[in-house]
Amino acid sequence: MAGVSADADQKPVIIRISPMAHFAVGFLIVGMLAVILAGPPWVALILLIPITLSLAIVRYRTIADTKTVTARTLLSSETVGWDDIDGLRFSRSSWATAHLKDGRELRLPAVTFATLPQLTEVSGGRVPNPYG
């Protein structure tokens, strides 16, 4: 197509928690089984903890395209434009935090220092590539 820009051809980048994290949830369930099987029936409610963790692994992600970044958490999602982001910061948590121009901060789930090259490409250079 003649009138389509290169931005329209760019697919969004989806950065997720590794599905391998479900193995840790599985080990947690195995560890809880002794307590669940030995206790009264209501103790089975503690299985809600690994179920919630597994849902978080599936739901948490950051979706970035050429114009916006969406941070999706367990119960909500927030979309901001690249122009609204002043910079990214890494602190003790392994996930990046976007410092917004209005002074707020937005945690970017699953975005680590290793995934910055993907954000560099999709952001058109707004996020510097630390490796290149």
N, C-alpha and C. Protein backbone atom coordinates (compact mmCIF):
# COMPACT_ATOMS: atom_id res chain seq x y z
N MET A 1 0.84 -1.18 0.00
CA MET A 1 0.00 0.00 0.00
C MET A 1 0.87 1.23 0.00
N ALA A 2 0.51 2.18 -0.78
CA ALA A 2 1.36 3.34 -0.96
C ALA A 2 1.28 4.32 0.21
N GLY A 3 0.14 4.55 0.81
CA GLY A 3 0.00 5.58 1.84
C GLY A 3 0.24 5.11 3.26
N VAL A 4 0.69 3.90 3.46
CA VAL A 4 0.87 3.37 4.80
C VAL A 4 2.27 3.70 5.29
N SER A 5 2.36 4.23 6.51
CA SER A 5 3.67 4.59 7.05
C SER A 5 4.34 3.36 7.66
N ALA A 6 5.61 3.51 7.97
CA ALA A 6 6.36 2.41 8.58
C ALA A 6 5.86 2.13 9.99
N ASP A 7 5.29 3.15 10.65
CA ASP A 7 4.77 2.95 12.01
C ASP A 7 3.61 1.98 12.02
N ALA A 8 2.81 1.98 10.97
CA ALA A 8 1.65 1.10 10.93
C ALA A 8 2.08 -0.36 10.74
N ASP A 9 3.25 -0.57 10.14
CA ASP A 9 3.76 -1.92 9.93
C ASP A 9 4.36 -2.52 11.20
N GLN A 10 4.73 -1.67 12.15
CA GLN A 10 5.39 -2.13 13.38
C GLN A 10 4.36 -2.78 14.30
N LYS A 11 4.61 -4.03 14.66
CA LYS A 11 3.73 -4.72 15.60
C LYS A 11 4.07 -4.27 17.01
N PRO A 12 3.08 -4.26 17.90
CA PRO A 12 3.40 -3.91 19.28
C PRO A 12 4.30 -4.97 19.93
N VAL A 13 5.12 -4.53 20.85
CA VAL A 13 5.98 -5.43 21.61
C VAL A 13 5.26 -5.76 22.91
N ILE A 14 5.14 -7.04 23.20
CA ILE A 14 4.50 -7.49 24.43
C ILE A 14 5.56 -8.16 25.29
N ILE A 15 5.79 -7.58 26.46
CA ILE A 15 6.80 -8.11 27.39
C ILE A 15 6.04 -8.70 28.57
N ARG A 16 6.22 -10.00 28.78
CA ARG A 16 5.49 -10.74 29.81
C ARG A 16 6.43 -11.40 30.80
N ILE A 17 5.85 -11.85 31.90
CA ILE A 17 6.57 -12.70 32.84
C ILE A 17 6.73 -14.06 32.17
N SER A 18 7.86 -14.68 32.33
CA SER A 18 8.10 -15.98 31.72
C SER A 18 7.09 -17.01 32.22
N PRO A 19 6.53 -17.80 31.31
CA PRO A 19 5.60 -18.85 31.74
C PRO A 19 6.27 -19.89 32.64
N MET A 20 7.57 -19.93 32.66
CA MET A 20 8.28 -20.85 33.55
C MET A 20 7.99 -20.54 35.02
N ALA A 21 7.51 -19.35 35.31
CA ALA A 21 7.17 -18.98 36.68
C ALA A 21 6.04 -19.85 37.23
N HIS A 22 5.25 -20.46 36.35
CA HIS A 22 4.19 -21.36 36.80
C HIS A 22 4.77 -22.58 37.52
N PHE A 23 6.01 -22.96 37.20
CA PHE A 23 6.64 -24.07 37.91
C PHE A 23 6.82 -23.73 39.39
N ALA A 24 7.20 -22.49 39.68
CA ALA A 24 7.35 -22.08 41.08
C ALA A 24 6.01 -22.15 41.79
N VAL A 25 4.94 -21.76 41.11
CA VAL A 25 3.61 -21.86 41.70
C VAL A 25 3.25 -23.32 41.94
N GLY A 26 3.61 -24.18 41.03
CA GLY A 26 3.36 -25.61 41.21
C GLY A 26 4.08 -26.17 42.41
N PHE A 27 5.34 -25.77 42.60
CA PHE A 27 6.09 -26.22 43.78
C PHE A 27 5.47 -25.67 45.07
N LEU A 28 4.94 -24.46 45.01
CA LEU A 28 4.26 -23.89 46.16
C LEU A 28 3.02 -24.73 46.52
N ILE A 29 2.28 -25.14 45.51
CA ILE A 29 1.10 -25.97 45.75
C ILE A 29 1.50 -27.31 46.36
N VAL A 30 2.55 -27.92 45.84
CA VAL A 30 3.01 -29.20 46.40
C VAL A 30 3.42 -29.02 47.85
N GLY A 31 4.07 -27.90 48.16
CA GLY A 31 4.46 -27.63 49.54
C GLY A 31 3.27 -27.41 50.46
N MET A 32 2.20 -26.87 49.92
CA MET A 32 1.00 -26.59 50.72
C MET A 32 0.13 -27.83 50.91
N LEU A 33 0.33 -28.84 50.10
CA LEU A 33 -0.56 -30.00 50.16
C LEU A 33 -0.58 -30.68 51.52
N ALA A 34 0.56 -30.75 52.19
CA ALA A 34 0.59 -31.40 53.51
C ALA A 34 -0.31 -30.66 54.49
N VAL A 35 -0.25 -29.34 54.45
CA VAL A 35 -1.09 -28.53 55.35
C VAL A 35 -2.56 -28.67 54.96
N ILE A 36 -2.84 -28.66 53.67
CA ILE A 36 -4.23 -28.74 53.21
C ILE A 36 -4.84 -30.10 53.52
N LEU A 37 -4.10 -31.16 53.28
CA LEU A 37 -4.64 -32.50 53.51
C LEU A 37 -4.75 -32.85 54.99
N ALA A 38 -3.91 -32.25 55.84
CA ALA A 38 -3.94 -32.56 57.26
C ALA A 38 -4.91 -31.68 58.04
N GLY A 39 -5.28 -30.57 57.47
CA GLY A 39 -6.12 -29.62 58.20
C GLY A 39 -7.60 -29.79 57.92
N PRO A 40 -8.39 -28.95 58.55
CA PRO A 40 -9.83 -28.97 58.29
C PRO A 40 -10.13 -28.50 56.86
N PRO A 41 -11.32 -28.77 56.37
CA PRO A 41 -11.64 -28.45 54.97
C PRO A 41 -11.47 -26.97 54.60
N TRP A 42 -11.70 -26.07 55.54
CA TRP A 42 -11.57 -24.66 55.20
C TRP A 42 -10.14 -24.24 54.90
N VAL A 43 -9.17 -25.05 55.30
CA VAL A 43 -7.76 -24.73 55.02
C VAL A 43 -7.49 -24.76 53.52
N ALA A 44 -8.33 -25.45 52.77
CA ALA A 44 -8.16 -25.50 51.31
C ALA A 44 -8.27 -24.11 50.69
N LEU A 45 -8.81 -23.15 51.43
CA LEU A 45 -8.89 -21.78 50.91
C LEU A 45 -7.52 -21.16 50.67
N ILE A 46 -6.48 -21.69 51.32
CA ILE A 46 -5.15 -21.12 51.06
C ILE A 46 -4.69 -21.43 49.64
N LEU A 47 -5.39 -22.30 48.94
CA LEU A 47 -5.08 -22.53 47.53
C LEU A 47 -5.38 -21.30 46.67
N LEU A 48 -6.11 -20.35 47.24
CA LEU A 48 -6.36 -19.09 46.51
C LEU A 48 -5.06 -18.31 46.29
N ILE A 49 -4.09 -18.52 47.17
CA ILE A 49 -2.81 -17.81 47.03
C ILE A 49 -2.10 -18.23 45.74
N PRO A 50 -1.84 -19.53 45.51
CA PRO A 50 -1.16 -19.88 44.25
C PRO A 50 -2.03 -19.61 43.01
N ILE A 51 -3.34 -19.71 43.15
CA ILE A 51 -4.21 -19.39 42.01
C ILE A 51 -4.06 -17.92 41.64
N THR A 52 -4.03 -17.06 42.64
CA THR A 52 -3.83 -15.62 42.38
C THR A 52 -2.46 -15.36 41.78
N LEU A 53 -1.44 -16.04 42.28
CA LEU A 53 -0.10 -15.87 41.71
C LEU A 53 -0.06 -16.31 40.25
N SER A 54 -0.72 -17.39 39.94
CA SER A 54 -0.75 -17.87 38.57
C SER A 54 -1.50 -16.90 37.67
N LEU A 55 -2.60 -16.34 38.16
CA LEU A 55 -3.32 -15.32 37.39
C LEU A 55 -2.46 -14.09 37.14
N ALA A 56 -1.67 -13.72 38.15
CA ALA A 56 -0.78 -12.57 37.98
C ALA A 56 0.28 -12.85 36.91
N ILE A 57 0.80 -14.06 36.88
CA ILE A 57 1.80 -14.41 35.86
C ILE A 57 1.19 -14.28 34.47
N VAL A 58 -0.05 -14.68 34.32
CA VAL A 58 -0.71 -14.60 33.02
C VAL A 58 -1.05 -13.16 32.66
N ARG A 59 -1.49 -12.38 33.63
CA ARG A 59 -2.03 -11.05 33.33
C ARG A 59 -0.97 -9.94 33.26
N TYR A 60 0.03 -9.96 34.13
CA TYR A 60 1.01 -8.87 34.17
C TYR A 60 1.80 -8.82 32.86
N ARG A 61 1.83 -7.64 32.27
CA ARG A 61 2.61 -7.45 31.04
C ARG A 61 2.71 -5.97 30.70
N THR A 62 3.65 -5.66 29.84
CA THR A 62 3.78 -4.33 29.29
C THR A 62 3.66 -4.45 27.78
N ILE A 63 2.78 -3.64 27.21
CA ILE A 63 2.57 -3.63 25.76
C ILE A 63 2.98 -2.26 25.25
N ALA A 64 3.91 -2.25 24.31
CA ALA A 64 4.41 -0.98 23.78
C ALA A 64 4.29 -0.99 22.27
N ASP A 65 3.85 0.13 21.73
CA ASP A 65 3.86 0.32 20.28
C ASP A 65 4.55 1.65 19.99
N THR A 66 4.43 2.14 18.79
CA THR A 66 5.15 3.34 18.41
C THR A 66 4.63 4.60 19.11
N LYS A 67 3.40 4.57 19.62
CA LYS A 67 2.82 5.76 20.22
C LYS A 67 2.56 5.65 21.71
N THR A 68 2.28 4.45 22.22
CA THR A 68 1.87 4.31 23.61
C THR A 68 2.55 3.13 24.31
N VAL A 69 2.47 3.16 25.63
CA VAL A 69 2.93 2.07 26.48
C VAL A 69 1.77 1.75 27.42
N THR A 70 1.42 0.46 27.51
CA THR A 70 0.36 0.03 28.41
C THR A 70 0.94 -0.90 29.45
N ALA A 71 0.73 -0.56 30.71
CA ALA A 71 1.15 -1.40 31.83
C ALA A 71 -0.09 -2.10 32.35
N ARG A 72 -0.09 -3.43 32.27
CA ARG A 72 -1.25 -4.20 32.70
C ARG A 72 -0.89 -4.96 33.97
N THR A 73 -1.71 -4.76 35.01
CA THR A 73 -1.52 -5.45 36.28
C THR A 73 -2.67 -6.42 36.50
N LEU A 74 -2.75 -6.98 37.68
CA LEU A 74 -3.76 -7.98 37.96
C LEU A 74 -5.18 -7.43 37.82
N LEU A 75 -5.41 -6.22 38.29
CA LEU A 75 -6.76 -5.67 38.30
C LEU A 75 -6.98 -4.47 37.40
N SER A 76 -5.93 -3.93 36.81
CA SER A 76 -6.11 -2.72 36.00
C SER A 76 -5.06 -2.64 34.91
N SER A 77 -5.21 -1.64 34.07
CA SER A 77 -4.18 -1.33 33.09
C SER A 77 -4.19 0.18 32.86
N GLU A 78 -3.03 0.69 32.53
CA GLU A 78 -2.89 2.13 32.29
C GLU A 78 -2.06 2.33 31.03
N THR A 79 -2.56 3.20 30.17
CA THR A 79 -1.88 3.50 28.92
C THR A 79 -1.41 4.95 28.95
N VAL A 80 -0.14 5.15 28.60
CA VAL A 80 0.41 6.50 28.48
C VAL A 80 1.14 6.60 27.15
N GLY A 81 1.22 7.81 26.63
CA GLY A 81 1.96 8.04 25.39
C GLY A 81 3.45 8.14 25.68
N TRP A 82 4.25 7.83 24.67
CA TRP A 82 5.70 7.94 24.84
C TRP A 82 6.09 9.37 25.17
N ASP A 83 5.34 10.35 24.65
CA ASP A 83 5.66 11.75 24.91
C ASP A 83 5.42 12.14 26.37
N ASP A 84 4.62 11.37 27.09
CA ASP A 84 4.33 11.65 28.50
C ASP A 84 5.37 11.05 29.44
N ILE A 85 6.29 10.25 28.90
CA ILE A 85 7.31 9.59 29.72
C ILE A 85 8.58 10.42 29.70
N ASP A 86 9.03 10.78 30.90
CA ASP A 86 10.25 11.57 31.04
C ASP A 86 11.49 10.69 31.02
N GLY A 87 11.38 9.46 31.54
CA GLY A 87 12.51 8.55 31.55
C GLY A 87 12.15 7.26 32.28
N LEU A 88 13.02 6.29 32.17
CA LEU A 88 12.84 5.02 32.87
C LEU A 88 13.87 4.91 33.98
N ARG A 89 13.48 4.22 35.04
CA ARG A 89 14.35 4.06 36.20
C ARG A 89 14.30 2.62 36.65
N PHE A 90 15.46 2.12 37.05
CA PHE A 90 15.55 0.79 37.65
C PHE A 90 16.04 0.96 39.08
N SER A 91 15.28 0.40 40.01
CA SER A 91 15.68 0.49 41.41
C SER A 91 15.89 -0.92 41.93
N ARG A 92 15.63 -1.15 43.18
CA ARG A 92 15.84 -2.48 43.75
C ARG A 92 14.92 -3.52 43.12
N SER A 93 13.77 -3.11 42.70
CA SER A 93 12.88 -4.04 42.00
C SER A 93 13.48 -4.30 40.62
N SER A 94 13.24 -5.45 40.09
CA SER A 94 13.85 -5.77 38.80
C SER A 94 13.06 -5.18 37.64
N TRP A 95 11.85 -4.69 37.89
CA TRP A 95 11.05 -4.11 36.82
C TRP A 95 11.28 -2.61 36.73
N ALA A 96 11.18 -2.10 35.51
CA ALA A 96 11.40 -0.68 35.27
C ALA A 96 10.22 0.15 35.79
N THR A 97 10.51 1.38 36.12
CA THR A 97 9.50 2.34 36.51
C THR A 97 9.63 3.52 35.56
N ALA A 98 8.51 3.89 34.92
CA ALA A 98 8.50 5.05 34.03
C ALA A 98 8.17 6.28 34.85
N HIS A 99 9.03 7.28 34.77
CA HIS A 99 8.78 8.56 35.43
C HIS A 99 8.04 9.43 34.43
N LEU A 100 6.81 9.80 34.78
CA LEU A 100 5.98 10.58 33.86
C LEU A 100 6.21 12.07 34.05
N LYS A 101 5.92 12.85 33.02
CA LYS A 101 6.16 14.28 33.07
C LYS A 101 5.29 15.00 34.09
N ASP A 102 4.15 14.40 34.45
CA ASP A 102 3.29 15.03 35.46
C ASP A 102 3.71 14.68 36.89
N GLY A 103 4.85 13.98 37.04
CA GLY A 103 5.39 13.67 38.36
C GLY A 103 5.02 12.29 38.88
N ARG A 104 4.08 11.62 38.25
CA ARG A 104 3.71 10.28 38.69
C ARG A 104 4.73 9.27 38.20
N GLU A 105 4.63 8.07 38.76
CA GLU A 105 5.47 6.97 38.31
C GLU A 105 4.57 5.81 37.93
N LEU A 106 4.98 5.09 36.90
CA LEU A 106 4.21 3.95 36.40
C LEU A 106 5.15 2.76 36.32
N ARG A 107 4.82 1.74 37.08
CA ARG A 107 5.63 0.52 37.06
C ARG A 107 5.32 -0.25 35.79
N LEU A 108 6.36 -0.69 35.09
CA LEU A 108 6.21 -1.42 33.84
C LEU A 108 6.48 -2.90 34.10
N PRO A 109 5.41 -3.69 34.26
CA PRO A 109 5.59 -5.10 34.59
C PRO A 109 6.42 -5.84 33.54
N ALA A 110 7.34 -6.65 34.02
CA ALA A 110 8.18 -7.54 33.22
C ALA A 110 9.24 -6.82 32.38
N VAL A 111 9.30 -5.50 32.44
CA VAL A 111 10.34 -4.78 31.70
C VAL A 111 11.60 -4.77 32.56
N THR A 112 12.62 -5.45 32.07
CA THR A 112 13.90 -5.52 32.77
C THR A 112 14.96 -4.84 31.91
N PHE A 113 16.15 -4.75 32.46
CA PHE A 113 17.25 -4.14 31.72
C PHE A 113 17.52 -4.91 30.42
N ALA A 114 17.27 -6.21 30.44
CA ALA A 114 17.53 -7.04 29.26
C ALA A 114 16.50 -6.81 28.15
N THR A 115 15.32 -6.30 28.48
CA THR A 115 14.30 -6.09 27.45
C THR A 115 14.32 -4.67 26.89
N LEU A 116 15.23 -3.83 27.35
CA LEU A 116 15.30 -2.47 26.84
C LEU A 116 15.54 -2.38 25.34
N PRO A 117 16.34 -3.25 24.72
CA PRO A 117 16.49 -3.17 23.26
C PRO A 117 15.16 -3.32 22.51
N GLN A 118 14.23 -4.11 23.03
CA GLN A 118 12.92 -4.23 22.39
C GLN A 118 12.17 -2.91 22.48
N LEU A 119 12.25 -2.24 23.63
CA LEU A 119 11.59 -0.94 23.78
C LEU A 119 12.26 0.13 22.93
N THR A 120 13.58 0.04 22.77
CA THR A 120 14.29 0.99 21.92
C THR A 120 13.77 0.93 20.50
N GLU A 121 13.60 -0.27 20.00
CA GLU A 121 13.15 -0.45 18.62
C GLU A 121 11.73 0.06 18.43
N VAL A 122 10.82 -0.32 19.31
CA VAL A 122 9.42 0.05 19.12
C VAL A 122 9.18 1.54 19.45
N SER A 123 9.99 2.12 20.32
CA SER A 123 9.78 3.53 20.70
C SER A 123 10.41 4.50 19.71
N GLY A 124 11.10 4.00 18.72
CA GLY A 124 11.75 4.89 17.77
C GLY A 124 12.93 5.61 18.36
N GLY A 125 13.60 5.01 19.34
CA GLY A 125 14.79 5.61 19.92
C GLY A 125 14.51 6.45 21.16
N ARG A 126 13.27 6.58 21.57
CA ARG A 126 12.96 7.36 22.78
C ARG A 126 13.56 6.72 24.02
N VAL A 127 13.66 5.40 24.01
CA VAL A 127 14.32 4.66 25.09
C VAL A 127 15.70 4.28 24.56
N PRO A 128 16.77 4.75 25.21
CA PRO A 128 18.10 4.42 24.70
C PRO A 128 18.44 2.94 24.91
N ASN A 129 19.17 2.39 23.96
CA ASN A 129 19.62 1.00 24.04
C ASN A 129 20.93 0.97 24.82
N PRO A 130 20.94 0.35 26.00
CA PRO A 130 22.16 0.34 26.80
C PRO A 130 23.24 -0.57 26.22
N TYR A 131 22.87 -1.44 25.29
CA TYR A 131 23.82 -2.39 24.74
C TYR A 131 24.42 -1.96 23.41
N GLY A 132 23.88 -0.92 22.83
CA GLY A 132 24.37 -0.55 21.49
C GLY A 132 24.83 0.79 21.42
